[in-house]
Amino acid sequence: MIRIERITGDNAGLLANIAGDVFDGPIQAERLSAVIASEMHLLLVAVEGDLVVGQCQAMILLGPDRPPALYVENLGVTPEFRRQGIARELMMRAFGIGKQAGCDRGWLGVEPDSEAARPFYASLGLNFETVEFADFALS
């Protein structure tokens, strides 16, 4: 049975056993500590037994001139566990946490060539508009 957990200092040990293709790269201890320390950052995982099979990374963005907004930064489920509702459950949990934090809106970006992401997000009722984003290095 899959369970969804928000990673905290108390359960970070769950990240010792992660299936392939869940995260974009290996977990870095100092980065994980920073995420856990921030109430504004969410790291949700889907766990089967003791194996992390999915993850959702999101953050609550604050601005002095608008209500908080939920930004979903990354979502991943290992291929063997896709199409079982795990990504949907991770997103619903992130939406719920965002609502509890006062968010009335959210946003995310989708790669233009991602054939799986657009239908999935549309199934959640999310509508897309085309906008340009800059990806840049701070040097």
C-alpha atoms as a PDB file:
ATOM      1  CA  MET A   1       0.000   0.000   0.000  1.00  0.00           C
ATOM      2  CA  ILE A   2       1.332   3.419  -0.999  1.00  0.00           C
ATOM      3  CA  ARG A   3       1.500   6.115   1.650  1.00  0.00           C
ATOM      4  CA  ILE A   4       2.294   9.801   1.161  1.00  0.00           C
ATOM      5  CA  GLU A   5       4.647  11.446   3.659  1.00  0.00           C
ATOM      6  CA  ARG A   6       5.968  14.983   4.016  1.00  0.00           C
ATOM      7  CA  ILE A   7       9.678  14.696   4.701  1.00  0.00           C
ATOM      8  CA  THR A   8      10.728  16.180   8.043  1.00  0.00           C
ATOM      9  CA  GLY A   9      13.727  15.756  10.291  1.00  0.00           C
ATOM     10  CA  ASP A  10      11.914  12.864  11.942  1.00  0.00           C
ATOM     11  CA  ASN A  11      11.370  10.776   8.812  1.00  0.00           C
ATOM     12  CA  ALA A  12      14.206  11.867   6.494  1.00  0.00           C
ATOM     13  CA  GLY A  13      15.586   8.337   6.787  1.00  0.00           C
ATOM     14  CA  LEU A  14      12.903   7.315   4.271  1.00  0.00           C
ATOM     15  CA  LEU A  15      15.192   8.799   1.618  1.00  0.00           C
ATOM     16  CA  ALA A  16      17.760   6.044   2.182  1.00  0.00           C
ATOM     17  CA  ASN A  17      15.917   3.793  -0.279  1.00  0.00           C
ATOM     18  CA  ILE A  18      14.740   5.526  -3.468  1.00  0.00           C
ATOM     19  CA  ALA A  19      13.631   3.822  -6.698  1.00  0.00           C
ATOM     20  CA  GLY A  20      15.176   4.925  -9.989  1.00  0.00           C
ATOM     21  CA  ASP A  21      13.956   8.010 -11.859  1.00  0.00           C
ATOM     22  CA  VAL A  22      12.136   9.468  -8.842  1.00  0.00           C
ATOM     23  CA  PHE A  23      14.515  12.430  -8.389  1.00  0.00           C
ATOM     24  CA  ASP A  24      16.603  14.189 -11.020  1.00  0.00           C
ATOM     25  CA  GLY A  25      19.804  13.366  -9.143  1.00  0.00           C
ATOM     26  CA  PRO A  26      21.155  12.069  -5.852  1.00  0.00           C
ATOM     27  CA  ILE A  27      19.959  13.593  -2.579  1.00  0.00           C
ATOM     28  CA  GLN A  28      22.538  15.974  -1.088  1.00  0.00           C
ATOM     29  CA  ALA A  29      22.445  16.024   2.736  1.00  0.00           C
ATOM     30  CA  GLU A  30      23.056  19.767   3.105  1.00  0.00           C
ATOM     31  CA  ARG A  31      20.368  20.604   0.534  1.00  0.00           C
ATOM     32  CA  LEU A  32      17.908  18.226   2.162  1.00  0.00           C
ATOM     33  CA  SER A  33      18.561  19.859   5.538  1.00  0.00           C
ATOM     34  CA  ALA A  34      17.776  23.286   4.075  1.00  0.00           C
ATOM     35  CA  VAL A  35      14.498  22.030   2.575  1.00  0.00           C
ATOM     36  CA  ILE A  36      13.453  20.406   5.843  1.00  0.00           C
ATOM     37  CA  ALA A  37      14.335  23.545   7.830  1.00  0.00           C
ATOM     38  CA  SER A  38      12.021  25.722   5.714  1.00  0.00           C
ATOM     39  CA  GLU A  39       8.287  25.586   6.394  1.00  0.00           C
ATOM     40  CA  MET A  40       7.825  27.136   2.946  1.00  0.00           C
ATOM     41  CA  HIS A  41       9.389  24.167   1.124  1.00  0.00           C
ATOM     42  CA  LEU A  42       7.516  20.896   0.694  1.00  0.00           C
ATOM     43  CA  LEU A  43       9.093  17.561  -0.065  1.00  0.00           C
ATOM     44  CA  LEU A  44       6.406  14.915  -0.339  1.00  0.00           C
ATOM     45  CA  VAL A  45       7.206  11.297  -1.065  1.00  0.00           C
ATOM     46  CA  ALA A  46       5.162   8.247  -2.009  1.00  0.00           C
ATOM     47  CA  VAL A  47       6.400   5.168  -0.180  1.00  0.00           C
ATOM     48  CA  GLU A  48       5.706   1.496  -0.889  1.00  0.00           C
ATOM     49  CA  GLY A  49       7.007  -0.558   2.048  1.00  0.00           C
ATOM     50  CA  ASP A  50      10.363   1.115   2.645  1.00  0.00           C
ATOM     51  CA  LEU A  51      10.920   2.212  -0.980  1.00  0.00           C
ATOM     52  CA  VAL A  52      10.335   5.803  -2.133  1.00  0.00           C
ATOM     53  CA  VAL A  53       8.563   5.457  -5.487  1.00  0.00           C
ATOM     54  CA  GLY A  54       7.475   9.056  -6.077  1.00  0.00           C
ATOM     55  CA  GLN A  55       8.100  12.637  -5.014  1.00  0.00           C
ATOM     56  CA  CYS A  56       6.693  16.132  -5.308  1.00  0.00           C
ATOM     57  CA  GLN A  57       8.715  19.225  -4.528  1.00  0.00           C
ATOM     58  CA  ALA A  58       6.849  22.483  -4.053  1.00  0.00           C
ATOM     59  CA  MET A  59       7.158  25.775  -2.265  1.00  0.00           C
ATOM     60  CA  ILE A  60       4.935  28.476  -0.930  1.00  0.00           C
ATOM     61  CA  LEU A  61       5.851  31.808  -2.474  1.00  0.00           C
ATOM     62  CA  LEU A  62       5.243  34.975  -0.525  1.00  0.00           C
ATOM     63  CA  GLY A  63       4.922  38.499  -1.843  1.00  0.00           C
ATOM     64  CA  PRO A  64       4.145  41.765  -0.099  1.00  0.00           C
ATOM     65  CA  ASP A  65       1.446  42.640  -2.634  1.00  0.00           C
ATOM     66  CA  ARG A  66      -0.401  39.333  -3.113  1.00  0.00           C
ATOM     67  CA  PRO A  67      -1.584  36.253  -1.265  1.00  0.00           C
ATOM     68  CA  PRO A  68       0.750  33.267  -0.986  1.00  0.00           C
ATOM     69  CA  ALA A  69       0.961  31.013  -4.062  1.00  0.00           C
ATOM     70  CA  LEU A  70       1.932  27.363  -4.377  1.00  0.00           C
ATOM     71  CA  TYR A  71       4.695  26.667  -6.900  1.00  0.00           C
ATOM     72  CA  VAL A  72       5.121  23.012  -7.885  1.00  0.00           C
ATOM     73  CA  GLU A  73       8.757  22.652  -8.877  1.00  0.00           C
ATOM     74  CA  ASN A  74       9.159  18.936  -9.539  1.00  0.00           C
ATOM     75  CA  LEU A  75       7.131  15.743  -9.678  1.00  0.00           C
ATOM     76  CA  GLY A  76       8.454  12.260 -10.306  1.00  0.00           C
ATOM     77  CA  VAL A  77       7.278   8.657 -10.081  1.00  0.00           C
ATOM     78  CA  THR A  78       9.451   5.657 -10.877  1.00  0.00           C
ATOM     79  CA  PRO A  79       8.326   4.041 -14.174  1.00  0.00           C
ATOM     80  CA  GLU A  80       7.140   0.770 -12.576  1.00  0.00           C
ATOM     81  CA  PHE A  81       4.639   2.682 -10.415  1.00  0.00           C
ATOM     82  CA  ARG A  82       3.279   5.157 -12.968  1.00  0.00           C
ATOM     83  CA  ARG A  83      -0.416   5.256 -13.918  1.00  0.00           C
ATOM     84  CA  GLN A  84      -1.511   4.127 -10.445  1.00  0.00           C
ATOM     85  CA  GLY A  85      -2.670   7.512  -9.133  1.00  0.00           C
ATOM     86  CA  ILE A  86       0.531   8.257  -7.207  1.00  0.00           C
ATOM     87  CA  ALA A  87       1.311  11.532  -8.987  1.00  0.00           C
ATOM     88  CA  ARG A  88      -2.298  12.639  -8.518  1.00  0.00           C
ATOM     89  CA  GLU A  89      -2.163  11.870  -4.788  1.00  0.00           C
ATOM     90  CA  LEU A  90       1.136  13.741  -4.413  1.00  0.00           C
ATOM     91  CA  MET A  91      -0.342  16.774  -6.180  1.00  0.00           C
ATOM     92  CA  MET A  92      -3.549  16.688  -4.132  1.00  0.00           C
ATOM     93  CA  ARG A  93      -1.513  16.584  -0.924  1.00  0.00           C
ATOM     94  CA  ALA A  94       0.605  19.547  -2.113  1.00  0.00           C
ATOM     95  CA  PHE A  95      -2.572  21.466  -3.027  1.00  0.00           C
ATOM     96  CA  GLY A  96      -3.994  20.764   0.438  1.00  0.00           C
ATOM     97  CA  ILE A  97      -0.873  22.017   2.205  1.00  0.00           C
ATOM     98  CA  GLY A  98      -0.902  25.103   0.006  1.00  0.00           C
ATOM     99  CA  LYS A  99      -4.529  25.828   0.895  1.00  0.00           C
ATOM    100  CA  GLN A 100      -3.755  25.419   4.608  1.00  0.00           C
ATOM    101  CA  ALA A 101      -0.944  27.965   4.171  1.00  0.00           C
ATOM    102  CA  GLY A 102      -3.349  30.504   2.677  1.00  0.00           C
ATOM    103  CA  CYS A 103      -2.592  29.939  -0.995  1.00  0.00           C
ATOM    104  CA  ASP A 104      -5.475  30.638  -3.334  1.00  0.00           C
ATOM    105  CA  ARG A 105      -3.477  30.044  -6.504  1.00  0.00           C
ATOM    106  CA  GLY A 106      -0.658  27.898  -7.766  1.00  0.00           C
ATOM    107  CA  TRP A 107       1.537  27.498 -10.782  1.00  0.00           C
ATOM    108  CA  LEU A 108       3.962  25.115 -12.410  1.00  0.00           C
ATOM    109  CA  GLY A 109       5.924  24.834 -15.611  1.00  0.00           C
ATOM    110  CA  VAL A 110       5.818  22.006 -18.115  1.00  0.00           C
ATOM    111  CA  GLU A 111       8.465  21.212 -20.688  1.00  0.00           C
ATOM    112  CA  PRO A 112       6.983  21.860 -24.153  1.00  0.00           C
ATOM    113  CA  ASP A 113       7.970  18.378 -25.383  1.00  0.00           C
ATOM    114  CA  SER A 114       6.579  16.468 -22.392  1.00  0.00           C
ATOM    115  CA  GLU A 115       3.857  14.284 -23.891  1.00  0.00           C
ATOM    116  CA  ALA A 116       2.891  12.731 -20.528  1.00  0.00           C
ATOM    117  CA  ALA A 117       2.812  15.856 -18.351  1.00  0.00           C
ATOM    118  CA  ARG A 118       0.278  17.978 -20.232  1.00  0.00           C
ATOM    119  CA  PRO A 119      -2.526  15.364 -20.252  1.00  0.00           C
ATOM    120  CA  PHE A 120      -1.824  14.521 -16.623  1.00  0.00           C
ATOM    121  CA  TYR A 121      -2.051  18.133 -15.450  1.00  0.00           C
ATOM    122  CA  ALA A 122      -5.107  18.711 -17.630  1.00  0.00           C
ATOM    123  CA  SER A 123      -6.760  15.735 -15.875  1.00  0.00           C
ATOM    124  CA  LEU A 124      -6.317  17.697 -12.633  1.00  0.00           C
ATOM    125  CA  GLY A 125      -8.258  20.588 -14.159  1.00  0.00           C
ATOM    126  CA  LEU A 126      -5.202  22.765 -14.729  1.00  0.00           C
ATOM    127  CA  ASN A 127      -5.372  25.054 -17.745  1.00  0.00           C
ATOM    128  CA  PHE A 128      -2.262  26.034 -19.614  1.00  0.00           C
ATOM    129  CA  GLU A 129      -1.243  29.294 -21.138  1.00  0.00           C
ATOM    130  CA  THR A 130       1.946  29.711 -23.086  1.00  0.00           C
ATOM    131  CA  VAL A 131       4.505  31.889 -21.373  1.00  0.00           C
ATOM    132  CA  GLU A 132       8.225  32.275 -21.816  1.00  0.00           C
ATOM    133  CA  PHE A 133      10.622  31.364 -19.026  1.00  0.00           C
ATOM    134  CA  ALA A 134      14.327  32.066 -18.786  1.00  0.00           C
ATOM    135  CA  ASP A 135      16.596  29.395 -17.351  1.00  0.00           C
ATOM    136  CA  PHE A 136      19.828  31.041 -16.292  1.00  0.00           C
ATOM    137  CA  ALA A 137      22.962  30.465 -14.271  1.00  0.00           C
ATOM    138  CA  LEU A 138      23.974  32.866 -11.556  1.00  0.00           C
ATOM    139  CA  SER A 139      27.662  33.475 -12.096  1.00  0.00           C
END
